[in-house]
Structures are given as C-alpha cells and as structure tokens.
C-alpha atoms as a PDB file:
ATOM      1  CA  MET A   1     101.317 105.368 190.528  1.00  0.00           C
ATOM      2  CA  ALA A   2      99.620 109.229 192.140  1.00  0.00           C
ATOM      3  CA  ASN A   3     102.317 110.217 195.377  1.00  0.00           C
ATOM      4  CA  THR A   4     100.377 109.470 198.741  1.00  0.00           C
ATOM      5  CA  ALA A   5     101.083 110.822 202.263  1.00  0.00           C
ATOM      6  CA  LYS A   6     102.841 106.885 202.751  1.00  0.00           C
ATOM      7  CA  ASP A   7     104.785 108.206 199.549  1.00  0.00           C
ATOM      8  CA  ALA A   8     105.993 111.484 200.240  1.00  0.00           C
ATOM      9  CA  PRO A   9     109.849 112.120 200.439  1.00  0.00           C
ATOM     10  CA  ALA A  10     110.590 111.203 203.965  1.00  0.00           C
ATOM     11  CA  SER A  11     109.536 114.584 206.565  1.00  0.00           C
ATOM     12  CA  ALA A  12     112.281 116.641 208.521  1.00  0.00           C
ATOM     13  CA  GLU A  13     112.012 115.127 211.379  1.00  0.00           C
ATOM     14  CA  GLU A  14     111.845 111.013 209.969  1.00  0.00           C
ATOM     15  CA  ARG A  15     115.956 111.964 208.152  1.00  0.00           C
ATOM     16  CA  ARG A  16     116.825 112.956 211.608  1.00  0.00           C
ATOM     17  CA  ALA A  17     115.633 110.132 213.776  1.00  0.00           C
ATOM     18  CA  LEU A  18     116.769 107.392 211.002  1.00  0.00           C
ATOM     19  CA  ASP A  19     120.752 107.235 209.941  1.00  0.00           C
ATOM     20  CA  ALA A  20     121.902 107.691 206.491  1.00  0.00           C
ATOM     21  CA  GLU A  21     121.634 103.538 206.194  1.00  0.00           C
ATOM     22  CA  GLU A  22     118.164 103.067 207.592  1.00  0.00           C
ATOM     23  CA  LEU A  23     117.410 106.326 205.550  1.00  0.00           C
ATOM     24  CA  GLN A  24     118.298 104.817 202.313  1.00  0.00           C
ATOM     25  CA  LEU A  25     115.906 101.933 202.915  1.00  0.00           C
ATOM     26  CA  ALA A  26     113.354 103.850 204.003  1.00  0.00           C
ATOM     27  CA  ASP A  27     113.565 105.999 200.664  1.00  0.00           C
ATOM     28  CA  MET A  28     113.471 102.243 198.885  1.00  0.00           C
ATOM     29  CA  ALA A  29     110.235 101.197 200.723  1.00  0.00           C
ATOM     30  CA  ARG A  30     109.107 104.598 198.290  1.00  0.00           C
ATOM     31  CA  HIS A  31     107.226 104.470 195.459  1.00  0.00           C
ATOM     32  CA  PRO A  32     108.534 104.920 192.135  1.00  0.00           C
ATOM     33  CA  ALA A  33     112.001 102.964 193.418  1.00  0.00           C
ATOM     34  CA  LEU A  34     110.072 100.667 195.814  1.00  0.00           C
ATOM     35  CA  GLY A  35     108.396  99.527 191.750  1.00  0.00           C
ATOM     36  CA  GLN A  36     110.871  99.494 189.901  1.00  0.00           C
ATOM     37  CA  LEU A  37     112.657  96.309 193.067  1.00  0.00           C
ATOM     38  CA  SER A  38     112.646  93.164 191.442  1.00  0.00           C
ATOM     39  CA  ASP A  39     111.101  90.628 194.080  1.00  0.00           C
ATOM     40  CA  ARG A  40     114.363  89.278 195.316  1.00  0.00           C
ATOM     41  CA  ALA A  41     115.554  93.252 195.584  1.00  0.00           C
ATOM     42  CA  LEU A  42     112.257  93.631 197.602  1.00  0.00           C
ATOM     43  CA  SER A  43     112.826  90.531 199.852  1.00  0.00           C
ATOM     44  CA  ASP A  44     116.030  91.556 200.567  1.00  0.00           C
ATOM     45  CA  LEU A  45     114.894  95.166 201.736  1.00  0.00           C
ATOM     46  CA  VAL A  46     111.520  93.524 203.524  1.00  0.00           C
ATOM     47  CA  SER A  47     114.812  91.584 205.668  1.00  0.00           C
ATOM     48  CA  ARG A  48     117.012  94.186 205.980  1.00  0.00           C
ATOM     49  CA  LEU A  49     114.106  97.238 207.632  1.00  0.00           C
ATOM     50  CA  ARG A  50     112.773  93.957 209.313  1.00  0.00           C
ATOM     51  CA  THR A  51     116.160  93.802 211.280  1.00  0.00           C
ATOM     52  CA  ARG A  52     116.998  97.580 212.184  1.00  0.00           C
ATOM     53  CA  ARG A  53     113.097  97.902 213.167  1.00  0.00           C
ATOM     54  CA  ASN A  54     113.644  94.554 215.359  1.00  0.00           C
ATOM     55  CA  ARG A  55     117.355  96.433 216.906  1.00  0.00           C
ATOM     56  CA  ALA A  56     115.651 100.103 217.469  1.00  0.00           C
ATOM     57  CA  ARG A  57     112.337  98.379 219.601  1.00  0.00           C
ATOM     58  CA  ASP A  58     115.091  96.044 221.222  1.00  0.00           C
ATOM     59  CA  ILE A  59     117.250  99.003 222.554  1.00  0.00           C
ATOM     60  CA  ALA A  60     113.856 100.934 222.879  1.00  0.00           C
ATOM     61  CA  ASP A  61     112.959  98.412 225.797  1.00  0.00           C
ATOM     62  CA  ARG A  62     116.398  98.683 227.344  1.00  0.00           C
ATOM     63  CA  GLN A  63     116.296 102.359 227.468  1.00  0.00           C
ATOM     64  CA  GLY A  64     112.727 102.115 228.553  1.00  0.00           C
ATOM     65  CA  ARG A  65     114.161  99.776 231.342  1.00  0.00           C
ATOM     66  CA  GLU A  66     117.326 101.609 232.185  1.00  0.00           C
ATOM     67  CA  ALA A  67     115.137 105.106 233.304  1.00  0.00           C
ATOM     68  CA  ARG A  68     112.321 103.538 235.030  1.00  0.00           C
ATOM     69  CA  ALA A  69     115.483 101.974 236.463  1.00  0.00           C
ATOM     70  CA  LYS A  70     114.472  97.933 236.116  1.00  0.00           C
ATOM     71  CA  ALA A  71     117.601  97.079 234.202  1.00  0.00           C
ATOM     72  CA  ALA A  72     121.582  98.307 234.403  1.00  0.00           C
ATOM     73  CA  PRO A  73     122.555 100.804 232.689  1.00  0.00           C
ATOM     74  CA  ALA A  74     124.125  99.555 229.161  1.00  0.00           C
ATOM     75  CA  GLY A  75     126.986 102.580 228.834  1.00  0.00           C
ATOM     76  CA  ALA A  76     128.677 104.946 231.048  1.00  0.00           C
ATOM     77  CA  THR A  77     125.060 106.749 232.533  1.00  0.00           C
ATOM     78  CA  ALA A  78     121.594 105.002 232.431  1.00  0.00           C
ATOM     79  CA  ALA A  79     119.368 106.355 230.102  1.00  0.00           C
ATOM     80  CA  SER A  80     116.781 109.163 230.512  1.00  0.00           C
ATOM     81  CA  GLY A  81     114.461 108.581 227.763  1.00  0.00           C
ATOM     82  CA  ASN A  82     113.326 105.836 224.043  1.00  0.00           C
ATOM     83  CA  ALA A  83     111.665 108.505 222.897  1.00  0.00           C
ATOM     84  CA  GLY A  84     113.230 108.872 219.930  1.00  0.00           C
ATOM     85  CA  THR A  85     114.680 105.444 219.992  1.00  0.00           C
ATOM     86  CA  LEU A  86     111.075 104.660 219.696  1.00  0.00           C
ATOM     87  CA  ASN A  87     110.412 107.593 216.715  1.00  0.00           C
ATOM     88  CA  LYS A  88     112.891 105.351 214.939  1.00  0.00           C
ATOM     89  CA  HIS A  89     111.471 102.398 215.040  1.00  0.00           C
ATOM     90  CA  ASP A  90     107.847 103.519 213.485  1.00  0.00           C
ATOM     91  CA  TYR A  91     109.806 105.229 211.196  1.00  0.00           C
ATOM     92  CA  LEU A  92     111.041 101.815 209.860  1.00  0.00           C
ATOM     93  CA  ASN A  93     108.142  99.699 210.923  1.00  0.00           C
ATOM     94  CA  ALA A  94     106.365 102.739 208.616  1.00  0.00           C
ATOM     95  CA  ALA A  95     109.275 101.697 205.923  1.00  0.00           C
ATOM     96  CA  LEU A  96     108.944  97.790 206.674  1.00  0.00           C
ATOM     97  CA  ASP A  97     104.699  98.494 206.270  1.00  0.00           C
ATOM     98  CA  ARG A  98     104.696  99.748 202.804  1.00  0.00           C
ATOM     99  CA  ALA A  99     107.183  97.655 201.446  1.00  0.00           C
ATOM    100  CA  LEU A 100     105.303  93.872 202.737  1.00  0.00           C
ATOM    101  CA  ALA A 101     102.036  95.707 200.860  1.00  0.00           C
ATOM    102  CA  GLU A 102     103.821  95.948 197.622  1.00  0.00           C
ATOM    103  CA  ARG A 103     104.729  92.414 198.412  1.00  0.00           C
ATOM    104  CA  THR A 104     101.168  91.437 199.068  1.00  0.00           C
ATOM    105  CA  ALA A 105      99.863  93.171 195.971  1.00  0.00           C
ATOM    106  CA  ARG A 106     102.529  92.071 193.430  1.00  0.00           C
ATOM    107  CA  GLY A 107     102.146  88.216 194.217  1.00  0.00           C
ATOM    108  CA  GLU A 108      97.601  89.258 193.730  1.00  0.00           C
ATOM    109  CA  GLN A 109      99.160  90.440 190.418  1.00  0.00           C
ATOM    110  CA  GLY A 110     101.109  87.086 189.838  1.00  0.00           C
ATOM    111  CA  ALA A 111      98.254  85.080 191.171  1.00  0.00           C
END
C-alpha cells in the first residue's frame, strides 16, 4: 500500500501533543505497521487508542469547564484553556479511525 497523508510519519506538532506511549500507539496505527498486526493485536490497539482518546476528551471537557469558571479546579489552579488536550484528542481519534478502517477492511476481505 502506498503511503498517503494519513499514513505519513507523525508531524512535529503530533509528537509535541502526544506522550511517548500515545505516540507509539499512533505510529502502530500507520501503514506498514498497521497491516502487519495480527487480528488480536489490532483489536488490542483499537481498545488502547479508544481508552486514551476518551481520557483526553474527558480531561479537555473538565479543563474547558474550569476555564469558563463552571467547575472547581482539579489542581491548585484552574485550567486556562484546553487547546493542547483537544489536539491530543484529535490525533488519538485520527489514529483510532485508521485502526478501525483496517479492522473493517480485514472483515470485508474475510467475508
């Protein structure tokens, strides 16, 4: 499979937004590594990406509420914004979409 924009290596912004483990998960959700995963490993990747994405979404929601003074701060000071966490959510969501597309494609090939 030829590299597409979706399969390109992580950008500098993506490397900045994701921690080391999240970046490893996102890289596993790119070809050719994605195509080399077993079905079980692919399902595990989808599960781990979904968990990380949901956590980033929940943190971004909390930070947004704190920034608008709608919720008490979780830490010593209220969050001033949630742009970085939203970026993390977006990158994890894109990786999850790639992994789910691969799982769907494998299901269609096996039918």
